[in-house]
Protein backbone atom coordinates (compact mmCIF):
# COMPACT_ATOMS: atom_id res chain seq x y z
CA UNK A 1 74.63 103.73 85.63
CA UNK A 2 75.55 99.91 85.76
CA UNK A 3 76.33 99.84 82.14
CA UNK A 4 78.79 103.27 82.02
CA UNK A 5 80.48 101.30 85.34
CA UNK A 6 81.01 98.30 83.21
CA UNK A 7 82.24 100.27 80.26
CA UNK A 8 84.45 102.54 82.17
CA UNK A 9 85.95 99.26 84.21
CA UNK A 10 86.11 97.65 81.15
CA UNK A 11 88.20 100.38 79.20
CA UNK A 12 90.83 100.70 81.90
CA UNK A 13 92.86 97.93 80.34
CA UNK A 14 93.19 99.68 76.99
CA UNK A 15 94.37 102.63 78.56
CA UNK A 16 96.82 101.12 80.23
CA UNK A 17 97.96 99.50 76.74
CA UNK A 18 97.41 103.28 75.29
CA UNK A 19 99.63 104.70 78.29
CA UNK A 20 102.43 102.34 78.00
CA UNK A 21 103.47 103.34 74.53
CA UNK A 22 105.61 106.06 75.40
CA UNK A 23 105.59 105.67 79.01
CA UNK A 24 107.17 103.34 81.36
CA UNK A 25 104.66 100.89 83.86
CA UNK A 26 105.20 103.23 86.90
CA UNK A 27 104.79 106.43 85.49
CA UNK A 28 101.28 105.27 83.91
CA UNK A 29 100.36 103.67 87.31
CA UNK A 30 101.95 106.64 89.22
CA UNK A 31 99.62 108.97 87.03
CA UNK A 32 96.68 106.91 87.31
CA UNK A 33 96.63 107.27 91.07
CA UNK A 34 97.51 110.95 90.87
CA UNK A 35 94.96 112.14 88.46
CA UNK A 36 92.33 109.90 90.91
CA UNK A 37 93.72 111.76 94.01
CA UNK A 38 93.53 115.15 92.40
CA UNK A 39 89.84 114.38 91.16
CA UNK A 40 89.05 113.38 94.98
CA UNK A 41 90.51 116.15 97.15
CA UNK A 42 87.56 117.75 97.11
CA UNK A 43 85.63 115.01 99.03
CA UNK A 44 88.62 114.15 101.15
CA UNK A 45 88.74 117.53 102.88
CA UNK A 46 85.18 116.67 103.98
CA UNK A 47 86.17 113.22 104.63
CA UNK A 48 89.43 113.86 106.75
CA UNK A 49 86.82 116.29 109.26
CA UNK A 50 84.72 112.84 109.98
CA UNK A 51 87.72 110.40 110.18
CA UNK A 52 88.97 108.86 113.45
CA UNK A 53 92.75 109.34 114.02
CA UNK A 54 92.59 105.43 114.87
CA UNK A 55 91.05 104.60 111.36
CA UNK A 56 94.15 106.62 109.25
CA UNK A 57 96.68 103.65 109.16
CA UNK A 58 94.35 101.31 107.72
CA UNK A 59 92.62 103.47 105.21
CA UNK A 60 96.41 104.35 103.95
CA UNK A 61 96.80 100.36 103.50
CA UNK A 62 93.86 100.30 101.83
CA UNK A 63 95.06 102.71 99.56
CA UNK A 64 98.28 100.68 99.23
CA UNK A 65 96.56 97.26 98.63
CA UNK A 66 93.40 98.15 96.69
CA UNK A 67 94.76 100.68 94.47
CA UNK A 68 98.82 101.57 94.18
CA UNK A 69 100.23 98.07 94.40
CA UNK A 70 97.78 96.55 91.75
CA UNK A 71 97.76 99.98 89.24
CA UNK A 72 101.75 98.72 89.04
CA UNK A 73 101.45 95.16 88.40
CA UNK A 74 98.54 95.42 86.26
CA UNK A 75 100.51 98.03 84.07
CA UNK A 76 104.15 95.75 84.55
CA UNK A 77 101.93 92.78 83.12
CA UNK A 78 100.46 94.69 80.14
CA UNK A 79 104.10 95.31 79.16
CA UNK A 80 104.09 91.83 77.66
CA UNK A 81 100.36 90.71 77.79
CA UNK A 82 96.99 91.75 75.97
CA UNK A 83 94.78 94.26 77.56
CA UNK A 84 92.35 91.56 76.94
CA UNK A 85 93.98 88.77 79.05
CA UNK A 86 94.22 90.87 81.86
CA UNK A 87 90.66 92.21 81.75
CA UNK A 88 89.49 88.25 81.87
CA UNK A 89 92.10 87.96 84.81
CA UNK A 90 90.51 90.75 86.48
CA UNK A 91 87.15 88.33 86.68
CA UNK A 92 88.92 86.42 89.67
CA UNK A 93 88.75 89.38 91.91
CA UNK A 94 85.38 87.86 93.67
CA UNK A 95 87.17 84.44 93.96
CA UNK A 96 90.01 85.83 95.87
CA UNK A 97 88.08 87.81 98.38
CA UNK A 98 86.34 84.51 99.24
CA UNK A 99 89.86 83.10 99.52
CA UNK A 100 91.17 85.82 101.62
CA UNK A 101 88.44 85.77 103.79
CA UNK A 102 88.22 82.05 104.11
CA UNK A 103 92.01 82.00 104.99
CA UNK A 104 92.87 84.73 107.07
CA UNK A 105 89.72 86.14 108.56
CA UNK A 106 87.77 83.28 109.37
CA UNK A 107 85.01 84.12 107.12
CA UNK A 108 82.67 81.00 106.71
CA UNK A 109 82.79 79.07 103.50
CA UNK A 110 79.94 76.83 102.11
CA UNK A 111 80.67 73.66 99.97
CA UNK A 112 78.94 75.61 97.12
CA UNK A 113 81.55 78.53 97.14
CA UNK A 114 84.40 76.21 97.39
CA UNK A 115 82.67 74.59 94.42
CA UNK A 116 82.87 77.92 92.93
CA UNK A 117 86.19 78.75 93.67
CA UNK A 118 87.55 75.43 92.31
CA UNK A 119 85.68 76.42 88.81
CA UNK A 120 87.20 79.46 88.80
CA UNK A 121 90.47 78.55 89.50
CA UNK A 122 90.12 76.02 86.91
CA UNK A 123 89.27 78.81 84.12
CA UNK A 124 92.70 80.83 85.27
CA UNK A 125 94.53 77.76 84.59
CA UNK A 126 93.27 77.38 81.11
CA UNK A 127 93.94 81.26 80.65
CA UNK A 128 97.35 80.95 81.57
CA UNK A 129 97.59 77.28 79.48
CA UNK A 130 96.93 79.94 76.53
CA UNK A 131 100.20 82.08 77.45
CA UNK A 132 102.39 78.44 77.15
CA UNK A 133 100.25 77.59 74.12
CA UNK A 134 101.72 80.84 72.77
CA UNK A 135 105.61 79.49 73.39
CA UNK A 136 106.13 82.28 76.01
CA UNK A 137 106.70 81.22 79.85
CA UNK A 138 107.73 84.81 80.37
CA UNK A 139 104.28 85.88 79.72
CA UNK A 140 103.17 83.59 82.11
CA UNK A 141 104.69 85.22 84.88
CA UNK A 142 103.53 88.54 83.69
CA UNK A 143 100.16 86.73 83.75
CA UNK A 144 100.54 85.92 87.29
CA UNK A 145 101.44 89.56 88.32
CA UNK A 146 97.43 89.99 87.46
CA UNK A 147 96.81 86.92 89.99
CA UNK A 148 98.97 88.95 92.68
CA UNK A 149 96.92 91.96 91.93
CA UNK A 150 93.81 90.16 92.32
CA UNK A 151 95.02 88.90 95.89
CA UNK A 152 95.58 92.22 96.74
CA UNK A 153 91.95 92.94 96.00
CA UNK A 154 90.63 90.26 97.95
CA UNK A 155 92.94 91.61 100.89
CA UNK A 156 91.65 94.59 101.13
CA UNK A 157 88.28 94.31 100.53
CA UNK A 158 88.28 91.87 103.37
CA UNK A 159 90.27 94.66 105.65
CA UNK A 160 87.71 97.34 104.81
CA UNK A 161 84.65 94.98 105.44
CA UNK A 162 86.04 93.62 108.63
CA UNK A 163 87.60 96.93 110.25
CA UNK A 164 86.13 99.86 108.01
CA UNK A 165 82.44 99.15 108.11
CA UNK A 166 81.71 102.56 110.07
CA UNK A 167 83.95 104.66 107.40
CA UNK A 168 81.76 105.76 104.34
CA UNK A 169 83.11 103.79 100.77
CA UNK A 170 83.44 107.39 99.41
CA UNK A 171 85.25 108.52 102.13
CA UNK A 172 87.35 105.34 102.05
CA UNK A 173 88.10 105.99 98.69
CA UNK A 174 88.68 109.72 98.66
CA UNK A 175 91.62 109.55 101.77
CA UNK A 176 93.02 106.37 100.14
CA UNK A 177 93.49 108.25 96.76
CA UNK A 178 94.90 111.41 98.12
CA UNK A 179 97.24 110.02 100.68
CA UNK A 180 98.67 108.42 97.53
CA UNK A 181 99.28 111.81 96.00
CA UNK A 182 102.57 112.32 97.62
CA UNK A 183 103.94 108.53 96.54
CA UNK A 184 102.90 109.20 93.23
CA UNK A 185 105.00 112.24 92.97
CA UNK A 186 107.94 110.59 94.17
CA UNK A 187 107.58 107.54 91.54
CA UNK A 188 107.08 110.31 88.46
CA UNK A 189 110.43 111.72 90.04
CA UNK A 190 112.38 108.53 90.16
CA UNK A 191 110.96 107.39 86.58
CA UNK A 192 112.56 110.67 85.20
CA UNK A 193 109.01 111.79 84.11
CA UNK A 194 110.39 115.12 83.42
CA UNK A 195 112.97 114.06 81.17
CA UNK A 196 110.37 112.98 78.46
CA UNK A 197 109.79 115.13 75.04
CA UNK A 198 106.31 116.84 75.87
CA UNK A 199 106.11 118.37 72.27
CA UNK A 200 105.63 115.26 71.03
CA UNK A 201 102.09 114.19 70.47
CA UNK A 202 102.88 110.23 71.13
CA UNK A 203 104.09 111.11 74.80
CA UNK A 204 100.88 113.68 75.03
CA UNK A 205 98.56 110.74 74.39
CA UNK A 206 100.02 108.29 76.68
CA UNK A 207 100.11 111.00 79.27
CA UNK A 208 96.08 111.84 78.45
CA UNK A 209 95.44 108.05 78.42
CA UNK A 210 96.69 107.94 81.99
CA UNK A 211 95.03 110.30 83.01
CA UNK A 212 91.94 109.44 81.69
CA UNK A 213 92.22 105.83 83.25
CA UNK A 214 93.06 108.11 87.02
CA UNK A 215 89.94 110.09 86.75
CA UNK A 216 87.34 107.86 85.03
CA UNK A 217 88.52 104.40 85.27
CA UNK A 218 89.50 105.30 89.18
CA UNK A 219 87.82 107.96 90.66
CA UNK A 220 84.57 108.71 88.85
CA UNK A 221 84.09 104.95 89.09
CA UNK A 222 84.63 104.86 92.73
CA UNK A 223 82.07 107.51 92.77
CA UNK A 224 79.46 105.64 90.82
CA UNK A 225 79.90 102.52 92.11
CA UNK A 226 79.17 103.90 95.65
CA UNK A 227 76.18 105.53 94.12
CA UNK A 228 75.00 102.06 92.14
CA UNK A 229 75.34 100.21 95.67
CA UNK A 230 73.38 102.73 97.46
CA UNK A 231 70.35 102.49 95.00
CA UNK A 232 70.50 99.07 94.05
CA UNK A 233 72.17 96.80 96.73
CA UNK A 234 75.31 95.25 96.86
CA UNK A 235 74.46 92.12 94.99
CA UNK A 236 73.28 94.06 92.03
CA UNK A 237 76.41 96.18 92.03
CA UNK A 238 78.96 93.28 92.54
CA UNK A 239 77.34 91.84 88.98
CA UNK A 240 79.81 94.49 87.08
CA UNK A 241 82.23 91.70 87.65
CA UNK A 242 80.13 90.11 84.43
CA UNK A 243 80.56 93.18 82.46
CA UNK A 244 84.27 94.14 82.82
CA UNK A 245 86.45 91.30 80.52
CA UNK A 246 83.82 91.65 77.86
CA UNK A 247 84.33 95.19 77.27
CA UNK A 248 87.96 94.50 77.67
CA UNK A 249 87.70 92.06 75.45
CA UNK A 250 86.02 93.98 73.11
CA UNK A 251 88.21 96.84 73.11
CA UNK A 252 91.32 94.20 72.71
CA UNK A 253 89.72 93.03 69.24
CA UNK A 254 89.13 96.56 68.10
CA UNK A 255 92.81 97.15 69.14
CA UNK A 256 94.06 94.28 66.93
CA UNK A 257 94.68 91.98 69.85
CA UNK A 258 94.31 88.04 69.35
CA UNK A 259 91.76 86.95 71.52
CA UNK A 260 92.11 82.72 71.21
CA UNK A 261 89.09 80.57 71.90
CA UNK A 262 90.92 79.07 74.86
CA UNK A 263 90.89 82.60 76.82
CA UNK A 264 87.23 82.73 75.90
CA UNK A 265 86.47 79.32 77.04
CA UNK A 266 88.40 80.11 80.21
CA UNK A 267 86.90 83.55 80.64
CA UNK A 268 83.48 82.01 80.82
CA UNK A 269 84.29 78.68 83.56
CA UNK A 270 85.78 81.52 85.64
CA UNK A 271 82.39 83.65 85.33
CA UNK A 272 80.57 80.28 86.06
CA UNK A 273 82.50 79.90 88.91
CA UNK A 274 82.03 83.39 89.88
CA UNK A 275 78.50 83.03 89.52
CA UNK A 276 78.18 79.74 91.77
CA UNK A 277 80.23 81.79 94.14
CA UNK A 278 78.12 84.90 94.92
CA UNK A 279 74.59 83.84 94.19
CA UNK A 280 72.28 83.66 97.14
């Protein structure tokens, strides 16, 4: 289950790249959210019955912060940067969880954890420098969009941990994604999705990649992670952070993306920081 989850989430970045061949970043993100919402609809029908009305606003917020906004940011970023680099920067998420928790939720931070955060962000700077070496400051901006997405992830995790502990993980995911269905449809309408030539094989491939991204990379992966956490505990399940970027790099190499040595070094430094921060 751990291997499958690493493979599914690690493959998300190359699927975004495939979707972007014919669709806009907003269309890819919207199809991803729409597909996930439709797949989780049967779970949501049961979850809504168990939900307390006072939690609805927070559940919608988790959908926006933990899925909708990051999905758009990742897709916009991947219009300019490689999928492998996106997967590497995604490894910053556990560090962002810790920083957001310490700054806004008064979570205690040990000196060892602070050291891990500093090491991790040093690795991030190396990844950013690898973009500067390519002579493209605009690419640096797009890489920063992924950093913003990981900050949204960090904020979402802290909100869930502090205010939604009494709600099951599957219930949170199901309600959050289903409530995003109307917004996703609105984005597709405004982006002119219906004007595409759906008799074109390349358009079909991009739509299919975006749908697979939503069904497997979002909906199924959420259920798998929930099952893994129940069976193996939160510590083991969080180790998926280490598997995702290497799968993303593997797909990037197969797609012909150039992976610089400086990027690999930056990734290893980030993962070292994550290890120091999360180890018991």
